[in-house]
Amino acid sequence: MNTIHKVDVVIAEGAPDTTTTVPDSGQPSEPEQVDVVPDPRRRIIVLAPTKQAGNDEARAAGIEPVAVVTPRSLHAARGITADELWDAPSLTPEDRETLLPHVLPSIATHKGE
């Protein structure tokens, strides 16, 4: 089964309206919030404090990581090419700074210094 996730964007001019009207009922309704599922073809490396936390938080966000890099496994992404990095919510800024030099070479658009 092939699934395609696309989002249509409509840009309207004028003042924003906070409610919409349901066509047949004439009743106003609140706009619906929609979560966009990550593109399954994207290769994502997760930065996390632990492997368990990285896998759990990524799956909760609908992400299937190609690697989970932690302070104890700095080279988990070695040899892997990815499209983007995703920081687990539990990752501290200090840990992120430690992990970045080890994962940046894995990003497809990264140019080495």
N, C-alpha and C. Protein backbone atom coordinates (compact mmCIF):
# COMPACT_ATOMS: atom_id res chain seq x y z
N MET A 1 0.84 -1.17 0.00
CA MET A 1 0.00 0.00 0.00
C MET A 1 0.89 1.23 0.00
N ASN A 2 0.70 2.12 -0.94
CA ASN A 2 1.44 3.38 -1.00
C ASN A 2 0.63 4.47 -0.33
N THR A 3 1.29 5.22 0.53
CA THR A 3 0.65 6.33 1.21
C THR A 3 1.43 7.58 0.89
N ILE A 4 0.73 8.62 0.51
CA ILE A 4 1.38 9.89 0.21
C ILE A 4 0.86 10.92 1.20
N HIS A 5 1.77 11.63 1.83
CA HIS A 5 1.40 12.67 2.79
C HIS A 5 1.70 14.01 2.16
N LYS A 6 0.65 14.75 1.83
CA LYS A 6 0.83 16.07 1.25
C LYS A 6 -0.02 17.06 2.03
N VAL A 7 0.42 18.28 2.03
CA VAL A 7 -0.31 19.34 2.70
C VAL A 7 -0.57 20.44 1.69
N ASP A 8 -1.82 20.84 1.55
CA ASP A 8 -2.16 21.97 0.69
C ASP A 8 -2.20 23.21 1.54
N VAL A 9 -1.61 24.28 1.04
CA VAL A 9 -1.59 25.54 1.77
C VAL A 9 -2.38 26.56 0.98
N VAL A 10 -3.31 27.22 1.66
CA VAL A 10 -4.10 28.26 1.03
C VAL A 10 -3.75 29.57 1.69
N ILE A 11 -3.35 30.55 0.89
CA ILE A 11 -3.01 31.86 1.42
C ILE A 11 -4.16 32.80 1.07
N ALA A 12 -4.75 33.39 2.09
CA ALA A 12 -5.88 34.29 1.88
C ALA A 12 -5.51 35.69 2.31
N GLU A 13 -6.08 36.65 1.62
CA GLU A 13 -5.84 38.04 1.98
C GLU A 13 -6.96 38.52 2.89
N GLY A 14 -6.67 39.56 3.66
CA GLY A 14 -7.68 40.13 4.54
C GLY A 14 -7.48 39.70 5.97
N ALA A 15 -8.39 40.11 6.81
CA ALA A 15 -8.30 39.80 8.24
C ALA A 15 -8.61 38.33 8.46
N PRO A 16 -7.86 37.67 9.35
CA PRO A 16 -8.13 36.26 9.62
C PRO A 16 -9.44 36.10 10.39
N ASP A 17 -10.17 35.07 10.04
CA ASP A 17 -11.42 34.75 10.72
C ASP A 17 -11.13 33.60 11.66
N THR A 18 -11.49 33.73 12.93
CA THR A 18 -11.16 32.68 13.90
C THR A 18 -12.13 31.52 13.85
N THR A 19 -13.28 31.68 13.23
CA THR A 19 -14.22 30.57 13.12
C THR A 19 -14.62 30.39 11.66
N THR A 20 -15.05 29.21 11.36
CA THR A 20 -15.57 28.92 10.03
C THR A 20 -17.01 28.47 10.17
N THR A 21 -17.75 28.52 9.12
CA THR A 21 -19.15 28.10 9.17
C THR A 21 -19.29 26.78 8.45
N VAL A 22 -19.95 25.83 9.11
CA VAL A 22 -20.23 24.55 8.49
C VAL A 22 -21.30 24.80 7.44
N PRO A 23 -21.07 24.41 6.16
CA PRO A 23 -21.95 24.79 5.06
C PRO A 23 -23.44 24.51 5.26
N ASP A 24 -23.83 23.33 5.68
CA ASP A 24 -25.25 23.00 5.73
C ASP A 24 -25.95 23.46 7.00
N SER A 25 -25.22 23.62 8.08
CA SER A 25 -25.87 23.92 9.35
C SER A 25 -25.90 25.40 9.69
N GLY A 26 -24.99 26.19 9.11
CA GLY A 26 -24.92 27.60 9.46
C GLY A 26 -24.30 27.83 10.83
N GLN A 27 -23.84 26.77 11.47
CA GLN A 27 -23.23 26.86 12.79
C GLN A 27 -21.74 27.11 12.66
N PRO A 28 -21.19 28.06 13.45
CA PRO A 28 -19.74 28.26 13.40
C PRO A 28 -19.02 27.09 14.06
N SER A 29 -17.84 26.79 13.57
CA SER A 29 -17.03 25.73 14.18
C SER A 29 -15.59 26.20 14.24
N GLU A 30 -14.84 25.66 15.17
CA GLU A 30 -13.43 26.00 15.32
C GLU A 30 -12.63 25.30 14.23
N PRO A 31 -11.57 25.94 13.73
CA PRO A 31 -10.71 25.25 12.74
C PRO A 31 -10.10 24.00 13.35
N GLU A 32 -9.96 22.98 12.55
CA GLU A 32 -9.43 21.71 13.02
C GLU A 32 -7.91 21.73 13.02
N GLN A 33 -7.30 21.23 14.10
CA GLN A 33 -5.86 21.10 14.18
C GLN A 33 -5.46 19.79 13.53
N VAL A 34 -4.45 19.82 12.69
CA VAL A 34 -4.02 18.62 11.97
C VAL A 34 -2.53 18.40 12.21
N ASP A 35 -2.16 17.19 12.58
CA ASP A 35 -0.76 16.82 12.70
C ASP A 35 -0.32 16.24 11.36
N VAL A 36 0.84 16.68 10.89
CA VAL A 36 1.38 16.17 9.63
C VAL A 36 2.37 15.06 9.95
N VAL A 37 2.14 13.92 9.38
CA VAL A 37 3.01 12.77 9.60
C VAL A 37 4.33 12.99 8.86
N PRO A 38 5.47 12.70 9.52
CA PRO A 38 6.75 12.86 8.82
C PRO A 38 6.82 11.99 7.57
N ASP A 39 7.49 12.48 6.57
CA ASP A 39 7.67 11.75 5.32
C ASP A 39 8.47 10.48 5.61
N PRO A 40 7.91 9.30 5.32
CA PRO A 40 8.61 8.06 5.65
C PRO A 40 9.89 7.85 4.84
N ARG A 41 10.07 8.61 3.76
CA ARG A 41 11.28 8.47 2.97
C ARG A 41 12.43 9.29 3.54
N ARG A 42 12.16 10.14 4.53
CA ARG A 42 13.20 10.96 5.14
C ARG A 42 14.03 10.07 6.06
N ARG A 43 15.33 10.25 6.02
CA ARG A 43 16.24 9.51 6.91
C ARG A 43 16.60 10.45 8.04
N ILE A 44 16.24 10.07 9.25
CA ILE A 44 16.40 10.97 10.40
C ILE A 44 17.30 10.33 11.45
N ILE A 45 18.27 11.11 11.91
CA ILE A 45 19.13 10.71 13.03
C ILE A 45 18.59 11.41 14.26
N VAL A 46 18.38 10.65 15.32
CA VAL A 46 17.85 11.20 16.57
C VAL A 46 19.01 11.42 17.53
N LEU A 47 19.03 12.61 18.14
CA LEU A 47 19.99 12.92 19.20
C LEU A 47 19.23 12.81 20.52
N ALA A 48 19.74 12.01 21.44
CA ALA A 48 19.02 11.76 22.69
C ALA A 48 20.00 11.48 23.82
N PRO A 49 19.53 11.60 25.08
CA PRO A 49 20.41 11.31 26.21
C PRO A 49 20.69 9.81 26.36
N THR A 50 19.72 8.96 25.97
CA THR A 50 19.91 7.51 26.02
C THR A 50 19.24 6.89 24.79
N LYS A 51 19.66 5.68 24.44
CA LYS A 51 19.05 4.97 23.30
C LYS A 51 17.56 4.74 23.55
N GLN A 52 17.23 4.30 24.76
CA GLN A 52 15.83 4.01 25.10
C GLN A 52 14.97 5.26 24.95
N ALA A 53 15.43 6.37 25.52
CA ALA A 53 14.66 7.62 25.43
C ALA A 53 14.55 8.08 23.98
N GLY A 54 15.62 7.96 23.23
CA GLY A 54 15.60 8.37 21.83
C GLY A 54 14.61 7.57 21.00
N ASN A 55 14.63 6.25 21.17
CA ASN A 55 13.70 5.40 20.43
C ASN A 55 12.26 5.65 20.85
N ASP A 56 12.02 5.75 22.15
CA ASP A 56 10.65 5.97 22.64
C ASP A 56 10.09 7.31 22.18
N GLU A 57 10.88 8.37 22.32
CA GLU A 57 10.40 9.70 21.95
C GLU A 57 10.25 9.84 20.44
N ALA A 58 11.11 9.21 19.68
CA ALA A 58 11.00 9.26 18.22
C ALA A 58 9.73 8.54 17.76
N ARG A 59 9.48 7.38 18.29
CA ARG A 59 8.29 6.63 17.89
C ARG A 59 7.02 7.36 18.31
N ALA A 60 7.06 8.01 19.47
CA ALA A 60 5.89 8.80 19.91
C ALA A 60 5.63 9.96 18.96
N ALA A 61 6.67 10.47 18.31
CA ALA A 61 6.53 11.57 17.36
C ALA A 61 6.30 11.05 15.94
N GLY A 62 6.21 9.74 15.76
CA GLY A 62 5.97 9.17 14.45
C GLY A 62 7.21 9.09 13.58
N ILE A 63 8.38 9.03 14.21
CA ILE A 63 9.65 9.00 13.47
C ILE A 63 10.28 7.62 13.60
N GLU A 64 10.75 7.09 12.48
CA GLU A 64 11.50 5.84 12.47
C GLU A 64 12.96 6.21 12.21
N PRO A 65 13.77 6.33 13.27
CA PRO A 65 15.15 6.81 13.09
C PRO A 65 16.05 5.79 12.40
N VAL A 66 17.02 6.32 11.65
CA VAL A 66 18.04 5.45 11.06
C VAL A 66 19.18 5.23 12.04
N ALA A 67 19.30 6.12 13.04
CA ALA A 67 20.31 5.99 14.09
C ALA A 67 19.90 6.84 15.28
N VAL A 68 20.28 6.40 16.47
CA VAL A 68 20.09 7.18 17.69
C VAL A 68 21.48 7.42 18.27
N VAL A 69 21.87 8.68 18.33
CA VAL A 69 23.19 9.05 18.82
C VAL A 69 23.05 9.59 20.23
N THR A 70 23.86 9.06 21.15
CA THR A 70 23.81 9.47 22.55
C THR A 70 25.23 9.81 23.01
N PRO A 71 25.36 10.43 24.19
CA PRO A 71 26.71 10.70 24.70
C PRO A 71 27.55 9.43 24.89
N ARG A 72 26.90 8.28 25.09
CA ARG A 72 27.64 7.03 25.26
C ARG A 72 27.89 6.31 23.93
N SER A 73 27.19 6.73 22.88
CA SER A 73 27.41 6.11 21.56
C SER A 73 27.55 7.21 20.51
N LEU A 74 28.66 7.92 20.59
CA LEU A 74 28.90 9.07 19.72
C LEU A 74 29.01 8.69 18.25
N HIS A 75 29.41 7.46 17.96
CA HIS A 75 29.65 7.05 16.58
C HIS A 75 28.53 6.19 16.02
N ALA A 76 27.34 6.25 16.62
CA ALA A 76 26.22 5.43 16.17
C ALA A 76 25.78 5.77 14.75
N ALA A 77 26.08 6.97 14.28
CA ALA A 77 25.67 7.37 12.93
C ALA A 77 26.81 7.29 11.92
N ARG A 78 27.93 6.75 12.33
CA ARG A 78 29.08 6.66 11.42
C ARG A 78 28.72 5.78 10.22
N GLY A 79 28.97 6.29 9.02
CA GLY A 79 28.68 5.54 7.80
C GLY A 79 27.24 5.66 7.32
N ILE A 80 26.42 6.41 8.03
CA ILE A 80 25.01 6.59 7.67
C ILE A 80 24.83 7.98 7.08
N THR A 81 24.04 8.06 6.02
CA THR A 81 23.70 9.37 5.46
C THR A 81 22.25 9.65 5.82
N ALA A 82 21.99 10.84 6.33
CA ALA A 82 20.64 11.20 6.76
C ALA A 82 20.23 12.54 6.16
N ASP A 83 18.93 12.79 6.15
CA ASP A 83 18.38 14.04 5.63
C ASP A 83 18.27 15.11 6.70
N GLU A 84 18.07 14.68 7.94
CA GLU A 84 17.92 15.67 9.00
C GLU A 84 18.23 15.08 10.37
N LEU A 85 18.42 15.98 11.32
CA LEU A 85 18.62 15.61 12.72
C LEU A 85 17.35 15.95 13.48
N TRP A 86 17.05 15.15 14.48
CA TRP A 86 15.90 15.43 15.33
C TRP A 86 16.36 15.32 16.77
N ASP A 87 16.15 16.37 17.55
CA ASP A 87 16.53 16.36 18.96
C ASP A 87 15.38 15.81 19.78
N ALA A 88 15.66 14.79 20.59
CA ALA A 88 14.65 14.28 21.50
C ALA A 88 14.34 15.38 22.51
N PRO A 89 13.07 15.51 22.92
CA PRO A 89 12.72 16.56 23.88
C PRO A 89 13.51 16.49 25.19
N SER A 90 13.98 15.32 25.57
CA SER A 90 14.72 15.18 26.83
C SER A 90 16.21 15.52 26.69
N LEU A 91 16.66 15.85 25.48
CA LEU A 91 18.07 16.18 25.26
C LEU A 91 18.39 17.57 25.81
N THR A 92 19.48 17.67 26.57
CA THR A 92 19.89 18.97 27.11
C THR A 92 20.72 19.72 26.08
N PRO A 93 20.77 21.05 26.17
CA PRO A 93 21.59 21.83 25.23
C PRO A 93 23.08 21.44 25.29
N GLU A 94 23.56 21.09 26.47
CA GLU A 94 24.96 20.69 26.62
C GLU A 94 25.24 19.39 25.87
N ASP A 95 24.32 18.42 26.00
CA ASP A 95 24.48 17.15 25.28
C ASP A 95 24.42 17.37 23.77
N ARG A 96 23.54 18.27 23.33
CA ARG A 96 23.42 18.56 21.90
C ARG A 96 24.74 19.10 21.35
N GLU A 97 25.35 20.02 22.09
CA GLU A 97 26.64 20.57 21.65
C GLU A 97 27.71 19.49 21.56
N THR A 98 27.66 18.53 22.47
CA THR A 98 28.63 17.44 22.46
C THR A 98 28.40 16.52 21.26
N LEU A 99 27.14 16.26 20.92
CA LEU A 99 26.82 15.30 19.87
C LEU A 99 26.95 15.85 18.45
N LEU A 100 26.68 17.13 18.27
CA LEU A 100 26.66 17.71 16.92
C LEU A 100 27.91 17.45 16.08
N PRO A 101 29.11 17.65 16.60
CA PRO A 101 30.29 17.40 15.75
C PRO A 101 30.39 15.96 15.25
N HIS A 102 29.78 15.02 15.97
CA HIS A 102 29.85 13.62 15.59
C HIS A 102 28.80 13.24 14.55
N VAL A 103 27.70 13.99 14.47
CA VAL A 103 26.63 13.63 13.53
C VAL A 103 26.56 14.52 12.29
N LEU A 104 27.11 15.72 12.34
CA LEU A 104 27.03 16.61 11.18
C LEU A 104 27.60 16.00 9.90
N PRO A 105 28.69 15.24 9.95
CA PRO A 105 29.18 14.63 8.70
C PRO A 105 28.18 13.65 8.07
N SER A 106 27.20 13.18 8.82
CA SER A 106 26.21 12.25 8.28
C SER A 106 25.07 12.93 7.53
N ILE A 107 24.95 14.23 7.67
CA ILE A 107 23.87 14.96 7.01
C ILE A 107 24.20 15.11 5.53
N ALA A 108 23.25 14.78 4.68
CA ALA A 108 23.49 14.76 3.23
C ALA A 108 23.91 16.11 2.68
N THR A 109 23.44 17.20 3.26
CA THR A 109 23.76 18.52 2.73
C THR A 109 24.94 19.18 3.43
N HIS A 110 25.55 18.50 4.39
CA HIS A 110 26.66 19.08 5.15
C HIS A 110 27.93 19.09 4.30
N LYS A 111 28.60 20.22 4.32
CA LYS A 111 29.89 20.34 3.63
C LYS A 111 30.97 20.41 4.70
N GLY A 112 31.92 19.51 4.66
CA GLY A 112 33.00 19.49 5.65
C GLY A 112 33.84 20.74 5.61
N GLU A 113 34.47 21.02 6.74
CA GLU A 113 35.30 22.23 6.83
C GLU A 113 36.70 21.96 6.32
